[in-house]
Amino acid sequence: MIRSTTHATLAAGCLVLLAGCNTMPAAAERTVRDHLAAVGHELPPGRGQLPLLGAESQPSDYVRFALLKHPAVFAAYSEWRAAVESIAPARALPDPQITFQADIAGTVTSLMPGVLFDLMVPGKRAALAREAAADSEVAYREYVGTVARTAAEVRKAWIELAFIEGMIPLREASLTAIGQSADIAAAEYSTGRGVTTLEGQIQTAGEAARIHSELATLADRLHAARVQFKSALGLEPADPNPFWPRFPLTPTVLLSEEELWRRVQASNPDLAKMRAMVEMAVAGEAVARQGRIPDFTAGLMADVKQAPWIWRPTATVTLPVWRGKIAGQIAAAQARREAAAANVDAERLSMAAELARMLYMVREADRMIAYIDTTALPNVDRTVASAEASIQSGMGGSGMIPEARLMAANMRIERLSALREWEQAVTELLLMTAEVATGAGSLLPETSPSTRQ
């Protein structure tokens, strides 16, 4: 009876200690898990509903398709989930240990099983939990950056696709104008009414051959652009082709430079990630300072060979006497914190320079487009009108009209190239402000799920 009661007491004590190791997560940690679950409900393969891409699809539909399909987004989400799941182990007590000791002198004279617990002061566990929470914030910011970069790749691939599809008819128009010019020149040369020489005809034929070669190159480039677009959507080359977008290239309206810079500082994924790394370094410094506090172990053993049982409590305490080691750990943590803070400042400087460079590209393209729209193309139209009037009056030749049309086609090609440069620079600006991920929806929480209070 005595042994039975003692067994029950020992078992009850172990259960109480084991139950104390499983602490309830804090409210902030539950918030993180809620954000993680909200994203994970749609994201993992087989659970997210892919948008149907068709003639009525908007750019946001293509972006959402890529964010649900692309493996890079799911990989970043999994890294974030792993960091969140690491918070609970960081703040938990170490696993208890089952101990065993026996005295043997010919026969077993004592047999002492027991249980041993490593006890850590609450402050040290809280510091470890804050460090793990800061690490999860870094992983979350990396996930946000991956979402933005994936959306930017979709936009860049679409710009390239739209540019090539716009170039092909313009080059065909150039070829038509050259053919008309060649036909007119050949007719005038054969009748002796024109001033066209054989050398000029050869140059025209060479120009036509060059444009034929460019059209063949554009066909190959279109194929490569479509493969790139499929890859940006997360599709393999062997997968069925999606409905190719039919959005024309049009200049995207931008905010003022001051507003863009404000949004860069507030929302840039890389800058936010570096700020989170500062917080992680601060938490790591707090963990290093906890190294001056001793850790404890407590255990209980019972000699079950004796009647009644003999109880043997055990306890240990660490002695953090190596002050040089602790000081070095703290100094290293401080240096990492200072480096992280300096990296934030360096990144801000890089962002300012990048913003200025992208805005320069936008303004340069804007000036070129304005020149072509307001000066170059109207002048070509006037040239065509003048040539037609000269022909009607019998004072001019018909060769000027194809040449003017060729010039107009070349001007439109220059405009399309400038528009492509504009949209590429705008894409980089939208990536810098994290506004490129239009259509992300619940895949990108509006607020940071940080566990920091």
Protein backbone atom coordinates (compact mmCIF):
# COMPACT_ATOMS: atom_id res chain seq x y z
CA MET A 1 0.00 0.00 0.00
CA ILE A 2 2.83 2.36 0.85
CA ARG A 3 4.54 1.66 -2.49
CA SER A 4 1.32 2.16 -4.41
CA THR A 5 0.75 5.56 -2.83
CA THR A 6 4.33 6.55 -3.47
CA HIS A 7 4.05 5.50 -7.11
CA ALA A 8 0.95 7.65 -7.49
CA THR A 9 2.66 10.61 -5.83
CA LEU A 10 5.70 10.36 -8.09
CA ALA A 11 3.55 10.02 -11.21
CA ALA A 12 1.39 12.95 -10.22
CA GLY A 13 4.44 15.12 -9.59
CA CYS A 14 5.87 14.26 -13.01
CA LEU A 15 2.57 15.07 -14.74
CA VAL A 16 2.34 18.44 -13.00
CA LEU A 17 5.89 19.33 -14.05
CA LEU A 18 5.31 18.15 -17.62
CA ALA A 19 2.06 20.11 -17.87
CA GLY A 20 3.91 23.23 -16.74
CA CYS A 21 6.24 22.94 -19.72
CA ASN A 22 3.40 23.51 -22.19
CA THR A 23 2.64 27.19 -21.79
CA MET A 24 -0.16 28.92 -23.68
CA PRO A 25 1.01 31.18 -26.53
CA ALA A 26 0.82 34.91 -26.00
CA ALA A 27 -1.85 37.00 -27.71
CA ALA A 28 0.72 38.45 -30.10
CA GLU A 29 1.85 34.97 -31.11
CA ARG A 30 -1.74 33.97 -31.77
CA THR A 31 -2.04 37.01 -34.05
CA VAL A 32 0.97 35.79 -36.02
CA ARG A 33 -0.54 32.35 -36.36
CA ASP A 34 -3.86 33.82 -37.50
CA HIS A 35 -2.09 35.76 -40.28
CA LEU A 36 -0.13 32.66 -41.22
CA ALA A 37 -3.28 30.53 -41.35
CA ALA A 38 -5.13 33.13 -43.43
CA VAL A 39 -2.39 33.10 -46.06
CA GLY A 40 -1.85 29.36 -45.90
CA HIS A 41 -5.53 28.65 -46.44
CA GLU A 42 -5.20 29.82 -50.05
CA LEU A 43 -1.55 29.42 -50.87
CA PRO A 44 -0.49 25.76 -50.63
CA PRO A 45 -0.82 23.78 -53.87
CA GLY A 46 -4.19 22.16 -54.31
CA ARG A 47 -6.00 24.52 -51.94
CA GLY A 48 -5.83 27.90 -53.64
CA GLN A 49 -8.34 28.60 -56.41
CA LEU A 50 -6.48 29.71 -59.53
CA PRO A 51 -8.22 32.49 -61.48
CA LEU A 52 -9.47 31.59 -64.94
CA LEU A 53 -7.49 33.58 -67.50
CA GLY A 54 -9.46 34.72 -70.52
CA ALA A 55 -10.36 37.66 -72.68
CA GLU A 56 -11.97 39.48 -69.75
CA SER A 57 -9.05 38.95 -67.36
CA GLN A 58 -7.45 42.00 -65.81
CA PRO A 59 -3.74 42.43 -64.94
CA SER A 60 -4.57 41.68 -61.29
CA ASP A 61 -5.93 38.26 -62.35
CA TYR A 62 -2.59 37.35 -63.93
CA VAL A 63 -0.74 38.55 -60.83
CA ARG A 64 -2.95 36.52 -58.51
CA PHE A 65 -2.53 33.46 -60.73
CA ALA A 66 1.26 33.78 -60.42
CA LEU A 67 1.17 34.29 -56.65
CA LEU A 68 -0.94 31.16 -56.19
CA LYS A 69 1.04 29.08 -58.67
CA HIS A 70 4.68 30.14 -58.45
CA PRO A 71 6.82 27.86 -56.25
CA ALA A 72 8.99 30.75 -55.06
CA VAL A 73 6.01 32.26 -53.22
CA PHE A 74 5.16 28.96 -51.56
CA ALA A 75 8.82 28.45 -50.60
CA ALA A 76 8.95 31.88 -48.93
CA TYR A 77 5.67 31.14 -47.15
CA SER A 78 7.08 27.83 -45.87
CA GLU A 79 10.17 29.61 -44.53
CA TRP A 80 7.88 32.08 -42.76
CA ARG A 81 5.80 29.24 -41.33
CA ALA A 82 8.94 27.46 -40.10
CA ALA A 83 10.06 30.65 -38.33
CA VAL A 84 6.65 31.07 -36.67
CA GLU A 85 6.61 27.44 -35.54
CA SER A 86 10.05 27.99 -33.97
CA ILE A 87 8.69 30.53 -31.46
CA ALA A 88 7.07 27.92 -29.21
CA PRO A 89 10.21 25.73 -28.90
CA ALA A 90 12.28 28.85 -28.17
CA ARG A 91 10.18 29.86 -25.16
CA ALA A 92 9.60 26.33 -23.86
CA LEU A 93 11.59 24.60 -21.13
CA PRO A 94 14.10 21.95 -22.20
CA ASP A 95 12.79 18.40 -22.33
CA PRO A 96 12.79 16.54 -18.98
CA GLN A 97 15.17 13.63 -18.59
CA ILE A 98 14.53 10.18 -17.17
CA THR A 99 17.48 9.17 -14.99
CA PHE A 100 18.62 5.79 -13.78
CA GLN A 101 21.20 4.82 -11.19
CA ALA A 102 22.04 1.45 -9.65
CA ASP A 103 24.54 0.06 -7.13
CA ILE A 104 25.79 -3.42 -7.93
CA ALA A 105 27.97 -5.50 -5.59
CA GLY A 106 27.45 -9.06 -6.69
CA THR A 107 23.77 -8.30 -6.74
CA VAL A 108 21.78 -5.13 -7.32
CA THR A 109 21.78 -3.38 -3.96
CA SER A 110 20.01 -0.21 -5.06
CA LEU A 111 17.89 0.73 -8.05
CA MET A 112 17.06 4.42 -8.41
CA PRO A 113 15.00 5.65 -11.35
CA GLY A 114 14.10 9.34 -11.41
CA VAL A 115 13.27 12.44 -13.42
CA LEU A 116 15.40 15.54 -14.03
CA PHE A 117 14.26 18.98 -15.21
CA ASP A 118 16.34 21.85 -16.60
CA LEU A 119 14.90 25.07 -15.18
CA MET A 120 15.41 28.37 -16.95
CA VAL A 121 14.51 31.73 -15.46
CA PRO A 122 11.44 33.35 -17.13
CA GLY A 123 13.48 36.34 -18.30
CA LYS A 124 15.82 34.17 -20.35
CA ARG A 125 12.95 32.23 -21.91
CA ALA A 126 11.18 35.49 -22.75
CA ALA A 127 14.33 36.84 -24.40
CA LEU A 128 14.68 33.67 -26.49
CA ALA A 129 11.03 33.93 -27.49
CA ARG A 130 11.47 37.57 -28.54
CA GLU A 131 14.49 36.61 -30.65
CA ALA A 132 12.50 33.84 -32.36
CA ALA A 133 9.58 36.23 -32.89
CA ALA A 134 11.91 38.78 -34.47
CA ASP A 135 13.26 36.05 -36.74
CA SER A 136 9.70 35.25 -37.82
CA GLU A 137 9.22 38.94 -38.65
CA VAL A 138 12.31 38.80 -40.88
CA ALA A 139 10.90 35.70 -42.59
CA TYR A 140 7.56 37.46 -43.06
CA ARG A 141 9.27 40.46 -44.67
CA GLU A 142 11.14 38.10 -46.98
CA TYR A 143 7.82 36.54 -47.93
CA VAL A 144 6.38 39.99 -48.69
CA GLY A 145 9.42 40.75 -50.82
CA THR A 146 9.02 37.48 -52.72
CA VAL A 147 5.36 38.27 -53.40
CA ALA A 148 6.33 41.72 -54.73
CA ARG A 149 9.19 40.38 -56.86
CA THR A 150 6.98 37.65 -58.33
CA ALA A 151 4.34 40.22 -59.25
CA ALA A 152 7.03 42.45 -60.76
CA GLU A 153 8.31 39.58 -62.91
CA VAL A 154 4.78 39.05 -64.24
CA ARG A 155 4.54 42.74 -65.12
CA LYS A 156 7.98 42.79 -66.78
CA ALA A 157 7.17 39.70 -68.81
CA TRP A 158 3.87 41.23 -69.91
CA ILE A 159 5.63 44.47 -70.93
CA GLU A 160 8.10 42.52 -73.07
CA LEU A 161 5.27 40.53 -74.62
CA ALA A 162 3.23 43.66 -75.40
CA PHE A 163 6.30 45.41 -76.81
CA ILE A 164 7.10 42.59 -79.25
CA GLU A 165 3.47 42.21 -80.31
CA GLY A 166 3.41 45.96 -80.99
CA MET A 167 6.70 45.89 -82.89
CA ILE A 168 5.68 43.21 -85.40
CA PRO A 169 2.91 45.20 -87.17
CA LEU A 170 5.09 48.32 -87.17
CA ARG A 171 7.95 46.44 -88.82
CA GLU A 172 5.49 44.95 -91.31
CA ALA A 173 4.29 48.48 -92.10
CA SER A 174 7.93 49.52 -92.65
CA LEU A 175 8.38 46.60 -95.00
CA THR A 176 5.25 47.57 -96.92
CA ALA A 177 6.48 51.17 -97.26
CA ILE A 178 9.88 49.97 -98.49
CA GLY A 179 8.20 47.69 -101.02
CA GLN A 180 6.10 50.55 -102.33
CA SER A 181 9.15 52.77 -102.54
CA ALA A 182 11.08 50.07 -104.37
CA ASP A 183 8.27 49.52 -106.86
CA ILE A 184 8.03 53.25 -107.61
CA ALA A 185 11.80 53.58 -107.93
CA ALA A 186 11.99 50.57 -110.26
CA ALA A 187 9.21 51.97 -112.46
CA GLU A 188 10.88 55.39 -112.67
CA TYR A 189 14.27 53.84 -113.40
CA SER A 190 12.92 51.66 -116.19
CA THR A 191 11.15 54.60 -117.86
CA GLY A 192 14.00 56.98 -117.30
CA ARG A 193 11.74 59.57 -115.68
CA GLY A 194 13.22 59.40 -112.24
CA VAL A 195 16.55 60.14 -110.71
CA THR A 196 16.80 56.79 -108.94
CA THR A 197 20.04 54.94 -109.58
CA LEU A 198 20.73 51.23 -109.55
CA GLU A 199 22.74 51.75 -106.38
CA GLY A 200 19.68 53.24 -104.68
CA GLN A 201 17.60 50.23 -105.70
CA ILE A 202 20.21 47.90 -104.24
CA GLN A 203 20.19 49.85 -100.96
CA THR A 204 16.40 49.64 -100.82
CA ALA A 205 16.52 45.88 -101.43
CA GLY A 206 19.12 45.55 -98.67
CA GLU A 207 16.92 47.51 -96.27
CA ALA A 208 13.98 45.23 -97.09
CA ALA A 209 16.14 42.16 -96.43
CA ARG A 210 17.23 43.64 -93.10
CA ILE A 211 13.63 44.17 -91.99
CA HIS A 212 12.74 40.62 -93.09
CA SER A 213 15.55 39.42 -90.81
CA GLU A 214 14.24 41.61 -87.97
CA LEU A 215 10.76 40.13 -88.38
CA ALA A 216 12.21 36.62 -88.14
CA THR A 217 14.12 37.68 -85.04
CA LEU A 218 10.96 39.19 -83.55
CA ALA A 219 9.14 35.89 -84.13
CA ASP A 220 11.84 34.06 -82.15
CA ARG A 221 11.80 36.78 -79.52
CA LEU A 222 8.02 36.45 -79.22
CA HIS A 223 8.37 32.74 -78.54
CA ALA A 224 11.01 33.42 -75.85
CA ALA A 225 8.83 36.16 -74.33
CA ARG A 226 5.88 33.79 -74.09
CA VAL A 227 8.00 31.17 -72.36
CA GLN A 228 9.23 33.87 -69.99
CA PHE A 229 5.64 34.94 -69.32
CA LYS A 230 4.63 31.35 -68.56
CA SER A 231 7.58 31.00 -66.18
CA ALA A 232 6.57 34.22 -64.43
CA LEU A 233 3.10 32.72 -63.95
CA GLY A 234 4.65 29.57 -62.44
CA LEU A 235 3.92 27.39 -65.50
CA GLU A 236 6.33 24.91 -67.03
CA PRO A 237 7.18 25.25 -70.77
CA ALA A 238 5.30 21.98 -71.42
CA ASP A 239 2.13 23.23 -69.66
CA PRO A 240 -0.79 24.42 -71.81
CA ASN A 241 -0.46 28.03 -72.88
CA PRO A 242 -2.48 30.55 -70.89
CA PHE A 243 -4.65 33.12 -72.59
CA TRP A 244 -2.08 35.66 -73.72
CA PRO A 245 -2.82 39.14 -72.34
CA ARG A 246 -4.01 41.80 -74.75
CA PHE A 247 -3.28 44.89 -72.70
CA PRO A 248 -1.77 47.69 -74.80
CA LEU A 249 1.24 49.56 -73.51
CA THR A 250 0.05 52.84 -72.02
CA PRO A 251 1.98 55.20 -69.71
CA THR A 252 1.22 54.49 -66.06
CA VAL A 253 0.42 57.58 -64.02
CA LEU A 254 2.92 58.12 -61.22
CA LEU A 255 2.73 59.95 -57.93
CA SER A 256 4.99 62.84 -57.06
CA GLU A 257 8.61 62.19 -56.16
CA GLU A 258 7.98 63.19 -52.53
CA GLU A 259 5.05 60.77 -52.21
CA LEU A 260 7.01 57.97 -53.85
CA TRP A 261 9.91 58.49 -51.44
CA ARG A 262 7.51 58.46 -48.49
CA ARG A 263 6.03 55.17 -49.65
CA VAL A 264 9.46 53.67 -50.27
CA GLN A 265 10.47 54.39 -46.68
CA ALA A 266 7.17 53.06 -45.34
CA SER A 267 6.59 49.99 -47.52
CA ASN A 268 9.76 48.88 -49.30
CA PRO A 269 10.13 45.11 -48.64
CA ASP A 270 13.93 45.11 -48.47
CA LEU A 271 14.00 48.11 -46.15
CA ALA A 272 11.33 46.57 -43.93
CA LYS A 273 13.30 43.33 -43.81
CA MET A 274 16.44 45.18 -42.68
CA ARG A 275 14.48 46.98 -39.98
CA ALA A 276 13.22 43.60 -38.81
CA MET A 277 16.81 42.38 -38.74
CA VAL A 278 17.63 45.29 -36.43
CA GLU A 279 14.89 44.13 -34.07
CA MET A 280 16.25 40.59 -34.24
CA ALA A 281 19.73 41.87 -33.41
CA VAL A 282 18.30 43.80 -30.45
CA ALA A 283 16.59 40.63 -29.23
CA GLY A 284 19.85 38.71 -29.73
CA GLU A 285 21.66 41.24 -27.57
CA ALA A 286 19.06 40.71 -24.84
CA VAL A 287 19.65 36.95 -25.06
CA ALA A 288 23.42 37.49 -24.76
CA ARG A 289 22.90 39.60 -21.62
CA GLN A 290 20.88 36.77 -20.09
CA GLY A 291 24.03 34.66 -20.17
CA ARG A 292 25.07 36.23 -16.86
CA ILE A 293 22.09 34.56 -15.13
CA PRO A 294 22.61 30.97 -13.86
CA ASP A 295 20.49 28.04 -15.04
CA PHE A 296 19.17 25.36 -12.71
CA THR A 297 18.30 21.70 -12.80
CA ALA A 298 16.10 19.86 -10.32
CA GLY A 299 15.35 16.18 -10.08
CA LEU A 300 14.04 13.45 -7.88
CA MET A 301 15.17 9.82 -7.62
CA ALA A 302 13.82 6.93 -5.57
CA ASP A 303 15.60 3.75 -4.46
CA VAL A 304 12.92 1.17 -5.21
CA LYS A 305 15.01 -1.67 -3.74
CA GLN A 306 14.49 -0.36 -0.23
CA ALA A 307 11.34 -0.70 1.80
CA PRO A 308 10.18 1.93 2.36
CA TRP A 309 11.62 3.77 -0.65
CA ILE A 310 14.49 6.15 -0.13
CA TRP A 311 14.04 9.48 -1.89
CA ARG A 312 17.02 11.38 -3.28
CA PRO A 313 16.39 14.94 -4.50
CA THR A 314 19.06 16.44 -6.77
CA ALA A 315 19.77 20.00 -7.90
CA THR A 316 22.48 21.76 -9.91
CA VAL A 317 23.19 25.37 -10.77
CA THR A 318 25.47 26.73 -13.49
CA LEU A 319 28.16 29.19 -12.51
CA PRO A 320 28.65 31.84 -15.22
CA VAL A 321 32.08 32.77 -13.93
CA TRP A 322 33.78 33.23 -17.30
CA ARG A 323 33.10 36.94 -17.54
CA GLY A 324 35.33 37.35 -20.57
CA LYS A 325 33.25 34.89 -22.56
CA ILE A 326 29.99 36.59 -21.55
CA ALA A 327 31.40 40.04 -22.30
CA GLY A 328 32.53 38.81 -25.72
CA GLN A 329 29.07 37.43 -26.48
CA ILE A 330 27.45 40.72 -25.49
CA ALA A 331 29.95 42.75 -27.50
CA ALA A 332 29.39 40.56 -30.56
CA ALA A 333 25.62 40.99 -30.21
CA GLN A 334 26.04 44.76 -29.91
CA ALA A 335 28.20 44.80 -33.03
CA ARG A 336 25.57 42.83 -34.95
CA ARG A 337 22.92 45.32 -33.82
CA GLU A 338 25.04 48.27 -34.93
CA ALA A 339 25.76 46.58 -38.27
CA ALA A 340 22.05 45.94 -38.82
CA ALA A 341 21.22 49.58 -38.05
CA ALA A 342 23.96 50.78 -40.42
CA ASN A 343 22.63 48.46 -43.13
CA VAL A 344 19.24 50.16 -42.82
CA ASP A 345 20.85 53.55 -43.42
CA ALA A 346 22.87 52.18 -46.33
CA GLU A 347 19.77 50.66 -47.88
CA ARG A 348 17.93 53.98 -47.57
CA LEU A 349 20.76 55.69 -49.45
CA SER A 350 20.62 53.02 -52.17
CA MET A 351 16.85 53.40 -52.40
CA ALA A 352 17.16 57.16 -52.79
CA ALA A 353 19.66 56.75 -55.62
CA GLU A 354 17.56 54.06 -57.29
CA LEU A 355 14.45 56.21 -57.04
CA ALA A 356 16.25 59.10 -58.71
CA ARG A 357 17.56 56.84 -61.48
CA MET A 358 14.13 55.35 -62.20
CA LEU A 359 12.48 58.76 -62.22
CA TYR A 360 15.12 59.99 -64.66
CA MET A 361 14.32 57.09 -66.99
CA VAL A 362 10.60 57.87 -66.75
CA ARG A 363 11.15 61.56 -67.52
CA GLU A 364 13.51 60.77 -70.39
CA ALA A 365 10.93 58.43 -71.94
CA ASP A 366 8.21 61.01 -71.28
CA ARG A 367 10.13 63.68 -73.20
CA MET A 368 10.74 61.31 -76.12
CA ILE A 369 7.06 60.31 -76.29
CA ALA A 370 5.98 63.95 -76.08
CA TYR A 371 8.39 64.92 -78.88
CA ILE A 372 7.16 62.14 -81.16
CA ASP A 373 3.48 62.86 -80.44
CA THR A 374 3.64 66.65 -80.69
CA THR A 375 6.41 67.23 -83.25
CA ALA A 376 7.76 64.25 -85.17
CA LEU A 377 4.55 62.48 -86.18
CA PRO A 378 2.66 65.70 -87.02
CA ASN A 379 5.60 66.75 -89.22
CA VAL A 380 5.51 63.42 -91.02
CA ASP A 381 1.75 63.76 -91.53
CA ARG A 382 2.30 67.20 -93.01
CA THR A 383 5.00 65.78 -95.28
CA VAL A 384 2.62 63.11 -96.56
CA ALA A 385 -0.10 65.70 -97.11
CA SER A 386 2.36 67.94 -98.98
CA ALA A 387 3.54 65.06 -101.16
CA GLU A 388 -0.04 64.11 -102.03
CA ALA A 389 -0.78 67.75 -102.93
CA SER A 390 2.35 67.88 -105.12
CA ILE A 391 1.30 64.75 -106.96
CA GLN A 392 -2.17 66.13 -107.60
CA SER A 393 -0.67 69.35 -108.94
CA GLY A 394 1.80 67.45 -111.08
CA MET A 395 4.79 69.11 -109.42
CA GLY A 396 6.08 66.19 -107.41
CA GLY A 397 6.85 62.49 -107.58
CA SER A 398 5.04 59.70 -105.77
CA GLY A 399 8.24 58.38 -104.17
CA MET A 400 7.99 60.78 -101.25
CA ILE A 401 4.82 59.17 -99.86
CA PRO A 402 6.30 55.69 -99.11
CA GLU A 403 9.39 57.35 -97.65
CA ALA A 404 7.22 59.48 -95.37
CA ARG A 405 5.21 56.43 -94.33
CA LEU A 406 8.45 54.58 -93.57
CA MET A 407 9.56 57.54 -91.47
CA ALA A 408 6.23 57.49 -89.61
CA ALA A 409 6.61 53.76 -88.90
CA ASN A 410 10.11 54.35 -87.56
CA MET A 411 8.84 57.16 -85.35
CA ARG A 412 6.15 54.87 -83.93
CA ILE A 413 8.81 52.23 -83.26
CA GLU A 414 10.83 54.83 -81.35
CA ARG A 415 7.71 55.76 -79.40
CA LEU A 416 6.99 52.13 -78.55
CA SER A 417 10.59 51.66 -77.36
CA ALA A 418 10.35 54.77 -75.18
CA LEU A 419 7.05 53.52 -73.77
CA ARG A 420 8.69 50.20 -72.95
CA GLU A 421 11.47 52.01 -71.07
CA TRP A 422 8.80 54.03 -69.24
CA GLU A 423 6.87 50.95 -68.09
CA GLN A 424 10.01 49.07 -67.08
CA ALA A 425 11.08 51.99 -64.88
CA VAL A 426 7.56 52.26 -63.46
CA THR A 427 7.66 48.54 -62.60
CA GLU A 428 10.85 49.09 -60.59
CA LEU A 429 9.23 52.04 -58.81
CA LEU A 430 6.14 49.97 -57.99
CA LEU A 431 8.40 47.19 -56.71
CA MET A 432 10.21 49.68 -54.48
CA THR A 433 6.90 50.74 -52.92
CA ALA A 434 5.49 47.16 -52.82
CA GLU A 435 2.50 48.35 -54.86
CA VAL A 436 3.27 46.08 -57.78
CA ALA A 437 1.41 43.15 -56.16
CA THR A 438 -2.05 44.33 -57.19
CA GLY A 439 -4.33 41.32 -56.88
CA ALA A 440 -2.44 39.69 -54.00
CA GLY A 441 -5.52 39.98 -51.78
CA SER A 442 -5.30 37.88 -48.61
CA LEU A 443 -1.93 36.50 -49.73
CA LEU A 444 -0.41 39.77 -48.53
CA PRO A 445 -1.76 40.91 -45.13
CA GLU A 446 -2.31 44.64 -44.99
CA THR A 447 -0.63 44.92 -41.60
CA SER A 448 2.51 43.29 -40.30
CA PRO A 449 1.82 40.22 -38.15
CA SER A 450 4.76 41.10 -35.92
CA THR A 451 4.80 39.58 -32.45
CA ARG A 452 6.55 42.64 -31.08
CA GLN A 453 4.42 44.84 -28.85
